[in-house]
Each structure stands twice: as structure tokens, then as C-alpha cells.
Amino acid sequence: MRGSPDDYLRAINRLSQADNCLDGIGIYDSRIDLSLVSQKLFASIVQAIRRKEGLEICYRSMTNPKGQTRTVFPHAIVRAPRRWHMRAWCSQRQEFRDFVLGRILSATPVATTAPGGREQDADWNDLVEMVIVPHPDLTPDQQDMIAEEFFPGSRSLRLRIRKCLQLYVVQDLQLAIDPERDRPPQYQLCLFGAS
């Protein structure tokens, strides 16, 4: 039986709470969540999603690091590997975009009905297939080892991912997109068909 590390950590946590027999076995979670989110902001976003209403936010970006006011209409919260995002309609840009929660300085509810929701977000609803393989520049033995580590019993892994979340998967798995540029040992996995 195989499970994800998160499955194992949840099981160990449940057992540890029931019985102290697992104390001191040396299991550590080294993931770092770099974007801490206030409970108040999180609650405001959840409430806006439930009510299908907007938020006026002051949002910092690389273009406007001091912050800019925008009216957004969120329909989903996404936990990416190192930070949280909300997927929302942006009135300023007139399109659905991702907003990093750690860059939101303030959020005020706006009692305006969302001009569109999840159903209208094409990149949210469009599922794309990503085929992940061992990097072709690894030796055959290295490719076998990587395949067994990441997709036991197979030579590849097929994922169906929301189009707007593709970049987060590429970043999290350190996938080589251009195998000529993105080389081992830093890149051990490759997006099949990427060039």
C-alpha cells in the first residue's frame, strides 16, 4: 500500500494523539509555508465566495509594490506549495486572475453581485493533461530510479490539472520545460513533449 507523505503524517498525528508510543521517532515536516494569512482576511474571502459578492482589496504586486485598490470577485481559494491564492474576477483587468493572499493589505466587502463566477472562468474549468517523465538526459538507470520513486509501476505520470494551476505544478515538481536548458541534476523530471 502506498500513500502520500501527507497521508502518513495525518495517520501518525492521529496515532500520536491517541497513544504516546510514537514520541521521538524523528519524523519532521520540512515544508515551509512562506505566506501567512490572517484569519480575518481568510474569513472575508470565504464569505465573499459564499455570498457571490466582491471585495475591495488593496493589493501589492511586482508592478505596484506599495499597493493598488481593486475590486475582485473571488470564487476559489488555492493552496499552492508555498503560498495561498484566491482565484477571482478582477474588475480592473476585466479577467479572472490569481491573487496571492499574502500580498493583500486590506479587504472590505462590497455588496455587489459577482459579474461572473466559477462557471465563467475558462482557465479554471479547462482541464489540461500534463505527462511527467524522468528527464531524458538522465542515464537509463537514473531514469528507472526516478520513475520508481515518483510513479511506481509506470514510466510516466498523467495529471489532469486546471489550466490556471499548471504553473504551480511545474514550480512545485521542478519540471523541466525546456530539457536543453533545464538540465539534471537540478531537474530530474520533465514535462513530456515540452520543448
N, C-alpha and C. Protein backbone atom coordinates (compact mmCIF):
# COMPACT_ATOMS: atom_id res chain seq x y z
N MET A 1 0.84 -1.18 0.00
CA MET A 1 0.00 0.00 0.00
C MET A 1 0.88 1.24 0.00
N ARG A 2 0.52 2.20 -0.85
CA ARG A 2 1.27 3.45 -0.91
C ARG A 2 0.34 4.60 -0.60
N GLY A 3 0.89 5.59 0.03
CA GLY A 3 0.13 6.80 0.31
C GLY A 3 1.05 8.00 0.18
N SER A 4 0.46 9.17 0.22
CA SER A 4 1.27 10.37 0.14
C SER A 4 1.90 10.64 1.50
N PRO A 5 2.99 11.41 1.53
CA PRO A 5 3.56 11.78 2.82
C PRO A 5 2.54 12.47 3.73
N ASP A 6 1.65 13.27 3.13
CA ASP A 6 0.61 13.91 3.94
C ASP A 6 -0.30 12.88 4.59
N ASP A 7 -0.63 11.80 3.86
CA ASP A 7 -1.45 10.72 4.43
C ASP A 7 -0.74 10.12 5.64
N TYR A 8 0.56 9.86 5.50
CA TYR A 8 1.33 9.27 6.59
C TYR A 8 1.40 10.22 7.79
N LEU A 9 1.64 11.51 7.53
CA LEU A 9 1.72 12.47 8.62
C LEU A 9 0.39 12.59 9.36
N ARG A 10 -0.73 12.57 8.62
CA ARG A 10 -2.04 12.61 9.28
C ARG A 10 -2.26 11.37 10.14
N ALA A 11 -1.88 10.20 9.60
CA ALA A 11 -2.06 8.95 10.35
C ALA A 11 -1.20 8.95 11.61
N ILE A 12 0.05 9.38 11.48
CA ILE A 12 0.95 9.42 12.63
C ILE A 12 0.43 10.41 13.66
N ASN A 13 -0.05 11.54 13.19
CA ASN A 13 -0.59 12.55 14.11
C ASN A 13 -1.79 11.99 14.88
N ARG A 14 -2.68 11.27 14.19
CA ARG A 14 -3.84 10.67 14.87
C ARG A 14 -3.37 9.66 15.91
N LEU A 15 -2.41 8.81 15.54
CA LEU A 15 -1.90 7.81 16.47
C LEU A 15 -1.18 8.46 17.65
N SER A 16 -0.42 9.50 17.37
CA SER A 16 0.32 10.18 18.43
C SER A 16 -0.62 10.78 19.45
N GLN A 17 -1.74 11.31 18.99
CA GLN A 17 -2.70 11.90 19.91
C GLN A 17 -3.39 10.84 20.75
N ALA A 18 -3.56 9.65 20.17
CA ALA A 18 -4.23 8.57 20.90
C ALA A 18 -3.28 7.84 21.85
N ASP A 19 -2.01 7.77 21.47
CA ASP A 19 -1.05 6.99 22.25
C ASP A 19 0.33 7.61 22.05
N ASN A 20 1.06 7.80 23.11
CA ASN A 20 2.37 8.43 23.02
C ASN A 20 3.47 7.50 22.52
N CYS A 21 3.11 6.35 21.97
CA CYS A 21 4.13 5.38 21.55
C CYS A 21 4.99 5.87 20.39
N LEU A 22 4.58 6.92 19.68
CA LEU A 22 5.36 7.39 18.54
C LEU A 22 6.24 8.59 18.87
N ASP A 23 6.25 8.98 20.13
CA ASP A 23 7.10 10.11 20.51
C ASP A 23 8.56 9.78 20.21
N GLY A 24 9.25 10.76 19.66
CA GLY A 24 10.68 10.62 19.45
C GLY A 24 11.10 9.76 18.28
N ILE A 25 10.23 9.49 17.31
CA ILE A 25 10.66 8.64 16.19
C ILE A 25 11.32 9.44 15.07
N GLY A 26 11.35 10.76 15.16
CA GLY A 26 12.12 11.55 14.21
C GLY A 26 11.46 11.81 12.88
N ILE A 27 10.18 12.07 12.86
CA ILE A 27 9.51 12.44 11.61
C ILE A 27 9.27 13.94 11.66
N TYR A 28 9.77 14.63 10.64
CA TYR A 28 9.65 16.08 10.59
C TYR A 28 9.07 16.50 9.25
N ASP A 29 8.29 17.54 9.25
CA ASP A 29 7.72 18.11 8.03
C ASP A 29 8.54 19.34 7.69
N SER A 30 9.33 19.29 6.62
CA SER A 30 10.23 20.40 6.29
C SER A 30 9.61 21.42 5.34
N ARG A 31 8.33 21.24 4.99
CA ARG A 31 7.70 22.23 4.11
C ARG A 31 7.62 23.56 4.85
N ILE A 32 7.80 24.60 4.09
CA ILE A 32 7.73 25.94 4.67
C ILE A 32 6.63 26.70 3.96
N ASP A 33 5.66 27.14 4.73
CA ASP A 33 4.58 27.97 4.18
C ASP A 33 5.03 29.41 4.33
N LEU A 34 5.47 30.01 3.24
CA LEU A 34 6.05 31.35 3.30
C LEU A 34 5.02 32.47 3.37
N SER A 35 3.78 32.16 3.13
CA SER A 35 2.76 33.20 3.07
C SER A 35 1.73 32.96 4.17
N LEU A 36 1.91 33.63 5.29
CA LEU A 36 0.96 33.51 6.39
C LEU A 36 -0.24 34.40 6.10
N VAL A 37 -1.42 33.89 6.37
CA VAL A 37 -2.66 34.60 6.04
C VAL A 37 -3.43 34.84 7.33
N SER A 38 -3.91 36.06 7.49
CA SER A 38 -4.69 36.36 8.69
C SER A 38 -6.05 35.66 8.62
N GLN A 39 -6.54 35.27 9.78
CA GLN A 39 -7.86 34.62 9.83
C GLN A 39 -8.95 35.56 9.34
N LYS A 40 -8.81 36.84 9.64
CA LYS A 40 -9.80 37.83 9.22
C LYS A 40 -9.88 37.90 7.69
N LEU A 41 -8.73 37.95 7.03
CA LEU A 41 -8.71 38.00 5.56
C LEU A 41 -9.30 36.72 4.98
N PHE A 42 -8.88 35.59 5.52
CA PHE A 42 -9.37 34.31 5.02
C PHE A 42 -10.89 34.24 5.16
N ALA A 43 -11.41 34.67 6.31
CA ALA A 43 -12.86 34.65 6.55
C ALA A 43 -13.58 35.59 5.59
N SER A 44 -12.99 36.75 5.31
CA SER A 44 -13.61 37.70 4.37
C SER A 44 -13.72 37.10 2.97
N ILE A 45 -12.68 36.39 2.56
CA ILE A 45 -12.69 35.77 1.23
C ILE A 45 -13.73 34.66 1.17
N VAL A 46 -13.75 33.82 2.20
CA VAL A 46 -14.74 32.72 2.24
C VAL A 46 -16.15 33.29 2.20
N GLN A 47 -16.40 34.34 2.96
CA GLN A 47 -17.73 34.96 2.99
C GLN A 47 -18.09 35.53 1.61
N ALA A 48 -17.15 36.18 0.95
CA ALA A 48 -17.42 36.73 -0.39
C ALA A 48 -17.73 35.61 -1.39
N ILE A 49 -17.01 34.50 -1.29
CA ILE A 49 -17.27 33.37 -2.18
C ILE A 49 -18.67 32.82 -1.92
N ARG A 50 -19.01 32.61 -0.67
CA ARG A 50 -20.34 32.06 -0.33
C ARG A 50 -21.47 32.98 -0.78
N ARG A 51 -21.28 34.27 -0.62
CA ARG A 51 -22.33 35.23 -0.97
C ARG A 51 -22.30 35.63 -2.45
N LYS A 52 -21.25 35.18 -3.16
CA LYS A 52 -21.05 35.57 -4.57
C LYS A 52 -21.02 37.09 -4.71
N GLU A 53 -20.25 37.69 -3.80
CA GLU A 53 -20.09 39.14 -3.79
C GLU A 53 -18.61 39.48 -3.87
N GLY A 54 -18.35 40.78 -3.94
CA GLY A 54 -16.99 41.23 -4.15
C GLY A 54 -16.27 41.68 -2.90
N LEU A 55 -15.00 41.98 -3.11
CA LEU A 55 -14.14 42.56 -2.08
C LEU A 55 -13.37 43.71 -2.72
N GLU A 56 -13.28 44.80 -1.99
CA GLU A 56 -12.36 45.86 -2.42
C GLU A 56 -11.07 45.59 -1.67
N ILE A 57 -10.02 45.33 -2.42
CA ILE A 57 -8.75 44.98 -1.79
C ILE A 57 -7.68 46.00 -2.15
N CYS A 58 -6.73 46.16 -1.25
CA CYS A 58 -5.50 46.87 -1.58
C CYS A 58 -4.48 45.77 -1.81
N TYR A 59 -4.03 45.67 -3.07
CA TYR A 59 -3.20 44.53 -3.48
C TYR A 59 -1.84 45.01 -3.94
N ARG A 60 -0.81 44.38 -3.41
CA ARG A 60 0.56 44.67 -3.83
C ARG A 60 0.96 43.69 -4.93
N SER A 61 1.68 44.19 -5.91
CA SER A 61 2.18 43.33 -6.99
C SER A 61 3.59 43.79 -7.34
N MET A 62 4.23 43.08 -8.22
CA MET A 62 5.56 43.48 -8.65
C MET A 62 5.49 44.81 -9.40
N THR A 63 4.37 45.08 -10.06
CA THR A 63 4.18 46.34 -10.77
C THR A 63 3.86 47.48 -9.80
N ASN A 64 3.08 47.18 -8.77
CA ASN A 64 2.67 48.18 -7.76
C ASN A 64 2.99 47.66 -6.36
N PRO A 65 4.27 47.68 -5.95
CA PRO A 65 4.64 47.10 -4.66
C PRO A 65 4.08 47.83 -3.44
N LYS A 66 3.65 49.07 -3.60
CA LYS A 66 3.05 49.80 -2.47
C LYS A 66 1.57 49.50 -2.33
N GLY A 67 0.97 48.93 -3.36
CA GLY A 67 -0.43 48.54 -3.29
C GLY A 67 -1.32 49.39 -4.17
N GLN A 68 -2.37 48.76 -4.65
CA GLN A 68 -3.33 49.41 -5.52
C GLN A 68 -4.71 48.85 -5.18
N THR A 69 -5.72 49.72 -5.19
CA THR A 69 -7.08 49.29 -4.87
C THR A 69 -7.70 48.62 -6.09
N ARG A 70 -8.32 47.47 -5.85
CA ARG A 70 -9.02 46.72 -6.90
C ARG A 70 -10.29 46.16 -6.31
N THR A 71 -11.28 45.98 -7.16
CA THR A 71 -12.48 45.25 -6.75
C THR A 71 -12.41 43.88 -7.41
N VAL A 72 -12.50 42.86 -6.59
CA VAL A 72 -12.38 41.48 -7.08
C VAL A 72 -13.58 40.67 -6.60
N PHE A 73 -13.85 39.60 -7.34
CA PHE A 73 -14.96 38.71 -7.01
C PHE A 73 -14.42 37.29 -6.96
N PRO A 74 -14.01 36.83 -5.77
CA PRO A 74 -13.37 35.51 -5.66
C PRO A 74 -14.36 34.37 -5.80
N HIS A 75 -13.87 33.27 -6.39
CA HIS A 75 -14.70 32.05 -6.47
C HIS A 75 -13.97 30.83 -5.92
N ALA A 76 -12.68 30.94 -5.62
CA ALA A 76 -11.95 29.78 -5.09
C ALA A 76 -10.72 30.26 -4.33
N ILE A 77 -10.32 29.45 -3.36
CA ILE A 77 -9.07 29.65 -2.64
C ILE A 77 -8.19 28.46 -2.99
N VAL A 78 -6.93 28.75 -3.32
CA VAL A 78 -6.00 27.71 -3.75
C VAL A 78 -4.78 27.73 -2.84
N ARG A 79 -4.41 26.56 -2.35
CA ARG A 79 -3.15 26.46 -1.62
C ARG A 79 -2.11 25.91 -2.59
N ALA A 80 -1.21 26.75 -2.99
CA ALA A 80 -0.08 26.34 -3.83
C ALA A 80 1.02 25.89 -2.87
N PRO A 81 2.11 25.34 -3.38
CA PRO A 81 3.12 24.77 -2.48
C PRO A 81 3.63 25.70 -1.38
N ARG A 82 3.86 26.97 -1.66
CA ARG A 82 4.45 27.83 -0.64
C ARG A 82 3.57 29.01 -0.23
N ARG A 83 2.43 29.16 -0.90
CA ARG A 83 1.58 30.30 -0.54
C ARG A 83 0.14 30.08 -0.99
N TRP A 84 -0.73 30.89 -0.45
CA TRP A 84 -2.16 30.81 -0.73
C TRP A 84 -2.55 31.85 -1.78
N HIS A 85 -3.50 31.49 -2.61
CA HIS A 85 -4.02 32.38 -3.65
C HIS A 85 -5.54 32.37 -3.58
N MET A 86 -6.14 33.40 -4.16
CA MET A 86 -7.57 33.31 -4.45
C MET A 86 -7.71 33.51 -5.96
N ARG A 87 -8.63 32.77 -6.52
CA ARG A 87 -8.96 32.92 -7.94
C ARG A 87 -10.17 33.84 -7.98
N ALA A 88 -10.06 34.94 -8.72
CA ALA A 88 -11.12 35.94 -8.68
C ALA A 88 -11.22 36.70 -10.00
N TRP A 89 -12.43 37.21 -10.25
CA TRP A 89 -12.64 38.14 -11.35
C TRP A 89 -12.10 39.50 -10.90
N CYS A 90 -11.25 40.11 -11.71
CA CYS A 90 -10.68 41.42 -11.41
C CYS A 90 -11.41 42.46 -12.25
N SER A 91 -12.11 43.37 -11.60
CA SER A 91 -12.84 44.41 -12.33
C SER A 91 -11.91 45.33 -13.10
N GLN A 92 -10.72 45.58 -12.56
CA GLN A 92 -9.76 46.46 -13.22
C GLN A 92 -9.25 45.85 -14.52
N ARG A 93 -8.88 44.59 -14.48
CA ARG A 93 -8.31 43.92 -15.67
C ARG A 93 -9.37 43.26 -16.55
N GLN A 94 -10.58 43.14 -16.02
CA GLN A 94 -11.69 42.51 -16.74
C GLN A 94 -11.35 41.07 -17.15
N GLU A 95 -10.78 40.34 -16.19
CA GLU A 95 -10.46 38.94 -16.42
C GLU A 95 -10.28 38.23 -15.08
N PHE A 96 -10.33 36.90 -15.14
CA PHE A 96 -10.04 36.11 -13.94
C PHE A 96 -8.54 36.06 -13.75
N ARG A 97 -8.11 36.22 -12.49
CA ARG A 97 -6.69 36.24 -12.16
C ARG A 97 -6.47 35.56 -10.81
N ASP A 98 -5.21 35.25 -10.53
CA ASP A 98 -4.82 34.72 -9.22
C ASP A 98 -4.26 35.87 -8.39
N PHE A 99 -4.66 35.92 -7.14
CA PHE A 99 -4.17 36.94 -6.21
C PHE A 99 -3.56 36.24 -5.01
N VAL A 100 -2.30 36.54 -4.73
CA VAL A 100 -1.59 35.96 -3.59
C VAL A 100 -2.14 36.58 -2.31
N LEU A 101 -2.62 35.76 -1.39
CA LEU A 101 -3.24 36.28 -0.18
C LEU A 101 -2.27 37.09 0.67
N GLY A 102 -1.01 36.71 0.68
CA GLY A 102 -0.01 37.43 1.46
C GLY A 102 0.29 38.83 0.93
N ARG A 103 -0.21 39.16 -0.26
CA ARG A 103 0.00 40.49 -0.83
C ARG A 103 -1.21 41.41 -0.66
N ILE A 104 -2.25 40.91 -0.02
CA ILE A 104 -3.44 41.72 0.20
C ILE A 104 -3.28 42.48 1.51
N LEU A 105 -3.25 43.81 1.42
CA LEU A 105 -3.07 44.64 2.61
C LEU A 105 -4.38 44.85 3.36
N SER A 106 -5.49 44.91 2.63
CA SER A 106 -6.79 45.09 3.27
C SER A 106 -7.86 44.53 2.35
N ALA A 107 -9.00 44.17 2.94
CA ALA A 107 -10.13 43.64 2.17
C ALA A 107 -11.42 44.10 2.83
N THR A 108 -12.26 44.75 2.04
CA THR A 108 -13.54 45.25 2.53
C THR A 108 -14.65 44.67 1.67
N PRO A 109 -15.68 44.08 2.29
CA PRO A 109 -16.77 43.51 1.50
C PRO A 109 -17.47 44.58 0.64
N VAL A 110 -17.86 44.17 -0.55
CA VAL A 110 -18.60 45.02 -1.48
C VAL A 110 -19.90 44.29 -1.78
N ALA A 111 -21.02 44.92 -1.47
CA ALA A 111 -22.32 44.26 -1.65
C ALA A 111 -22.78 44.36 -3.11
N THR A 112 -21.93 43.89 -4.00
CA THR A 112 -22.24 43.87 -5.43
C THR A 112 -22.15 42.42 -5.88
N THR A 113 -23.13 41.99 -6.64
CA THR A 113 -23.13 40.62 -7.13
C THR A 113 -22.00 40.42 -8.14
N ALA A 114 -21.35 39.30 -8.06
CA ALA A 114 -20.25 38.98 -8.97
C ALA A 114 -20.74 38.97 -10.41
N PRO A 115 -19.98 39.61 -11.32
CA PRO A 115 -20.37 39.61 -12.73
C PRO A 115 -20.24 38.23 -13.37
N GLY A 116 -19.48 37.37 -12.76
CA GLY A 116 -19.30 36.01 -13.25
C GLY A 116 -18.67 35.19 -12.16
N GLY A 117 -18.89 33.92 -12.19
CA GLY A 117 -18.33 33.05 -11.16
C GLY A 117 -17.48 31.96 -11.77
N ARG A 118 -17.33 30.92 -11.00
CA ARG A 118 -16.51 29.78 -11.38
C ARG A 118 -16.89 29.25 -12.77
N GLU A 119 -18.18 29.24 -13.06
CA GLU A 119 -18.66 28.68 -14.33
C GLU A 119 -18.13 29.47 -15.52
N GLN A 120 -17.87 30.76 -15.37
CA GLN A 120 -17.40 31.59 -16.47
C GLN A 120 -15.87 31.64 -16.57
N ASP A 121 -15.17 31.08 -15.63
CA ASP A 121 -13.71 31.12 -15.61
C ASP A 121 -13.17 29.97 -16.46
N ALA A 122 -12.90 30.27 -17.73
CA ALA A 122 -12.48 29.24 -18.68
C ALA A 122 -11.21 28.52 -18.22
N ASP A 123 -10.22 29.25 -17.73
CA ASP A 123 -8.97 28.61 -17.31
C ASP A 123 -9.13 27.78 -16.04
N TRP A 124 -10.16 28.03 -15.27
CA TRP A 124 -10.47 27.20 -14.11
C TRP A 124 -11.15 25.92 -14.55
N ASN A 125 -12.05 26.03 -15.50
CA ASN A 125 -12.84 24.88 -15.94
C ASN A 125 -12.14 24.01 -16.98
N ASP A 126 -11.14 24.57 -17.65
CA ASP A 126 -10.40 23.83 -18.67
C ASP A 126 -9.35 22.96 -17.99
N LEU A 127 -9.50 21.65 -18.12
CA LEU A 127 -8.52 20.72 -17.56
C LEU A 127 -7.52 20.35 -18.65
N VAL A 128 -6.25 20.46 -18.33
CA VAL A 128 -5.20 20.11 -19.28
C VAL A 128 -4.47 18.88 -18.76
N GLU A 129 -3.97 18.09 -19.68
CA GLU A 129 -3.22 16.90 -19.28
C GLU A 129 -1.74 17.22 -19.28
N MET A 130 -1.11 16.88 -18.19
CA MET A 130 0.34 17.01 -18.08
C MET A 130 0.90 15.60 -17.94
N VAL A 131 1.87 15.28 -18.79
CA VAL A 131 2.53 13.98 -18.73
C VAL A 131 3.95 14.23 -18.22
N ILE A 132 4.26 13.63 -17.09
CA ILE A 132 5.55 13.83 -16.44
C ILE A 132 6.38 12.57 -16.59
N VAL A 133 7.63 12.75 -17.01
CA VAL A 133 8.55 11.62 -17.24
C VAL A 133 9.89 11.96 -16.60
N PRO A 134 10.74 10.94 -16.40
CA PRO A 134 12.10 11.24 -15.97
C PRO A 134 12.81 12.07 -17.05
N HIS A 135 13.70 12.93 -16.63
CA HIS A 135 14.42 13.78 -17.59
C HIS A 135 15.17 12.90 -18.59
N PRO A 136 15.06 13.19 -19.89
CA PRO A 136 15.70 12.34 -20.90
C PRO A 136 17.22 12.33 -20.85
N ASP A 137 17.84 13.31 -20.20
CA ASP A 137 19.30 13.33 -20.12
C ASP A 137 19.86 12.52 -18.95
N LEU A 138 18.98 11.95 -18.13
CA LEU A 138 19.45 11.04 -17.09
C LEU A 138 19.87 9.73 -17.74
N THR A 139 20.76 9.00 -17.08
CA THR A 139 21.15 7.69 -17.60
C THR A 139 19.94 6.76 -17.50
N PRO A 140 19.91 5.65 -18.24
CA PRO A 140 18.79 4.71 -18.11
C PRO A 140 18.57 4.24 -16.67
N ASP A 141 19.65 3.96 -15.94
CA ASP A 141 19.50 3.54 -14.54
C ASP A 141 18.90 4.66 -13.68
N GLN A 142 19.34 5.89 -13.92
CA GLN A 142 18.78 7.03 -13.18
C GLN A 142 17.30 7.23 -13.53
N GLN A 143 16.96 7.07 -14.80
CA GLN A 143 15.55 7.20 -15.21
C GLN A 143 14.69 6.13 -14.53
N ASP A 144 15.21 4.90 -14.45
CA ASP A 144 14.47 3.83 -13.77
C ASP A 144 14.25 4.18 -12.30
N MET A 145 15.30 4.68 -11.65
CA MET A 145 15.20 5.04 -10.24
C MET A 145 14.16 6.15 -10.03
N ILE A 146 14.22 7.19 -10.86
CA ILE A 146 13.29 8.32 -10.73
C ILE A 146 11.86 7.86 -11.01
N ALA A 147 11.67 7.02 -12.02
CA ALA A 147 10.32 6.51 -12.33
C ALA A 147 9.77 5.72 -11.15
N GLU A 148 10.59 4.88 -10.54
CA GLU A 148 10.12 4.07 -9.41
C GLU A 148 9.82 4.95 -8.19
N GLU A 149 10.61 6.00 -8.02
CA GLU A 149 10.40 6.90 -6.88
C GLU A 149 9.10 7.70 -7.03
N PHE A 150 8.86 8.25 -8.20
CA PHE A 150 7.74 9.18 -8.38
C PHE A 150 6.47 8.56 -8.97
N PHE A 151 6.61 7.51 -9.77
CA PHE A 151 5.43 6.85 -10.34
C PHE A 151 5.67 5.35 -10.43
N PRO A 152 5.67 4.66 -9.28
CA PRO A 152 5.96 3.23 -9.23
C PRO A 152 5.07 2.43 -10.17
N GLY A 153 5.71 1.50 -10.89
CA GLY A 153 4.98 0.63 -11.80
C GLY A 153 4.66 1.28 -13.14
N SER A 154 5.19 2.47 -13.37
CA SER A 154 4.91 3.18 -14.62
C SER A 154 6.15 3.95 -15.05
N ARG A 155 6.16 4.37 -16.29
CA ARG A 155 7.28 5.17 -16.81
C ARG A 155 6.93 6.65 -16.83
N SER A 156 5.67 6.96 -16.51
CA SER A 156 5.24 8.36 -16.55
C SER A 156 4.06 8.55 -15.60
N LEU A 157 3.71 9.80 -15.41
CA LEU A 157 2.55 10.15 -14.60
C LEU A 157 1.70 11.12 -15.39
N ARG A 158 0.42 10.80 -15.54
CA ARG A 158 -0.52 11.69 -16.23
C ARG A 158 -1.38 12.39 -15.19
N LEU A 159 -1.38 13.70 -15.26
CA LEU A 159 -2.18 14.51 -14.35
C LEU A 159 -3.16 15.35 -15.16
N ARG A 160 -4.36 15.49 -14.65
CA ARG A 160 -5.33 16.42 -15.23
C ARG A 160 -5.44 17.58 -14.25
N ILE A 161 -5.02 18.73 -14.73
CA ILE A 161 -4.87 19.91 -13.88
C ILE A 161 -5.68 21.06 -14.46
N ARG A 162 -6.24 21.86 -13.59
CA ARG A 162 -6.89 23.09 -14.06
C ARG A 162 -5.83 23.95 -14.75
N LYS A 163 -6.19 24.47 -15.91
CA LYS A 163 -5.22 25.22 -16.71
C LYS A 163 -4.56 26.35 -15.92
N CYS A 164 -5.33 27.05 -15.11
CA CYS A 164 -4.78 28.18 -14.36
C CYS A 164 -3.83 27.74 -13.24
N LEU A 165 -3.82 26.46 -12.90
CA LEU A 165 -2.95 25.97 -11.82
C LEU A 165 -1.70 25.26 -12.35
N GLN A 166 -1.57 25.17 -13.66
CA GLN A 166 -0.46 24.45 -14.28
C GLN A 166 0.91 24.95 -13.81
N LEU A 167 1.09 26.25 -13.78
CA LEU A 167 2.38 26.82 -13.40
C LEU A 167 2.78 26.41 -11.99
N TYR A 168 1.81 26.31 -11.08
CA TYR A 168 2.12 25.92 -9.70
C TYR A 168 2.63 24.48 -9.64
N VAL A 169 2.08 23.60 -10.47
CA VAL A 169 2.54 22.21 -10.53
C VAL A 169 3.96 22.16 -11.08
N VAL A 170 4.21 22.92 -12.14
CA VAL A 170 5.56 22.97 -12.73
C VAL A 170 6.57 23.43 -11.69
N GLN A 171 6.24 24.48 -10.96
CA GLN A 171 7.16 25.01 -9.95
C GLN A 171 7.36 24.02 -8.81
N ASP A 172 6.27 23.43 -8.32
CA ASP A 172 6.34 22.53 -7.17
C ASP A 172 7.17 21.28 -7.48
N LEU A 173 6.97 20.72 -8.66
CA LEU A 173 7.68 19.49 -9.03
C LEU A 173 9.02 19.75 -9.71
N GLN A 174 9.38 21.02 -9.86
CA GLN A 174 10.60 21.40 -10.56
C GLN A 174 10.70 20.66 -11.90
N LEU A 175 9.67 20.83 -12.71
CA LEU A 175 9.62 20.16 -14.01
C LEU A 175 10.44 20.92 -15.04
N ALA A 176 11.25 20.19 -15.78
CA ALA A 176 11.96 20.78 -16.90
C ALA A 176 10.94 21.05 -18.01
N ILE A 177 10.89 22.29 -18.45
CA ILE A 177 10.02 22.67 -19.55
C ILE A 177 10.82 22.64 -20.85
N ASP A 178 12.04 23.11 -20.78
CA ASP A 178 12.97 23.08 -21.91
C ASP A 178 14.12 22.16 -21.51
N PRO A 179 14.07 20.88 -21.93
CA PRO A 179 15.09 19.92 -21.48
C PRO A 179 16.52 20.29 -21.88
N GLU A 180 16.67 21.12 -22.91
CA GLU A 180 18.02 21.56 -23.30
C GLU A 180 18.57 22.59 -22.32
N ARG A 181 17.69 23.39 -21.76
CA ARG A 181 18.10 24.42 -20.81
C ARG A 181 18.00 23.93 -19.37
N ASP A 182 16.89 23.26 -19.05
CA ASP A 182 16.61 22.78 -17.69
C ASP A 182 17.20 21.37 -17.55
N ARG A 183 18.39 21.28 -16.99
CA ARG A 183 19.16 20.04 -17.03
C ARG A 183 19.32 19.41 -15.65
N PRO A 184 19.55 18.08 -15.65
CA PRO A 184 19.89 17.41 -14.40
C PRO A 184 21.24 17.95 -13.90
N PRO A 185 21.54 17.85 -12.63
CA PRO A 185 20.77 17.17 -11.60
C PRO A 185 19.65 18.02 -11.00
N GLN A 186 19.63 19.34 -11.29
CA GLN A 186 18.58 20.19 -10.69
C GLN A 186 17.20 19.76 -11.15
N TYR A 187 17.06 19.37 -12.40
CA TYR A 187 15.78 18.93 -12.95
C TYR A 187 15.84 17.43 -13.21
N GLN A 188 15.07 16.67 -12.44
CA GLN A 188 15.05 15.22 -12.61
C GLN A 188 13.79 14.77 -13.33
N LEU A 189 12.77 15.62 -13.33
CA LEU A 189 11.51 15.32 -14.00
C LEU A 189 11.31 16.30 -15.15
N CYS A 190 10.59 15.84 -16.15
CA CYS A 190 10.41 16.64 -17.35
C CYS A 190 8.96 16.56 -17.80
N LEU A 191 8.45 17.66 -18.30
CA LEU A 191 7.12 17.67 -18.89
C LEU A 191 7.24 17.07 -20.28
N PHE A 192 6.60 15.93 -20.51
CA PHE A 192 6.72 15.22 -21.78
C PHE A 192 6.19 16.09 -22.91
N GLY A 193 6.95 16.13 -24.00
CA GLY A 193 6.53 16.91 -25.15
C GLY A 193 6.92 18.37 -25.04
N ALA A 194 7.54 18.76 -23.94
CA ALA A 194 7.97 20.15 -23.78
C ALA A 194 9.19 20.40 -24.64
N SER A 195 9.24 21.58 -25.19
CA SER A 195 10.44 21.92 -25.99
C SER A 195 10.69 23.40 -25.95
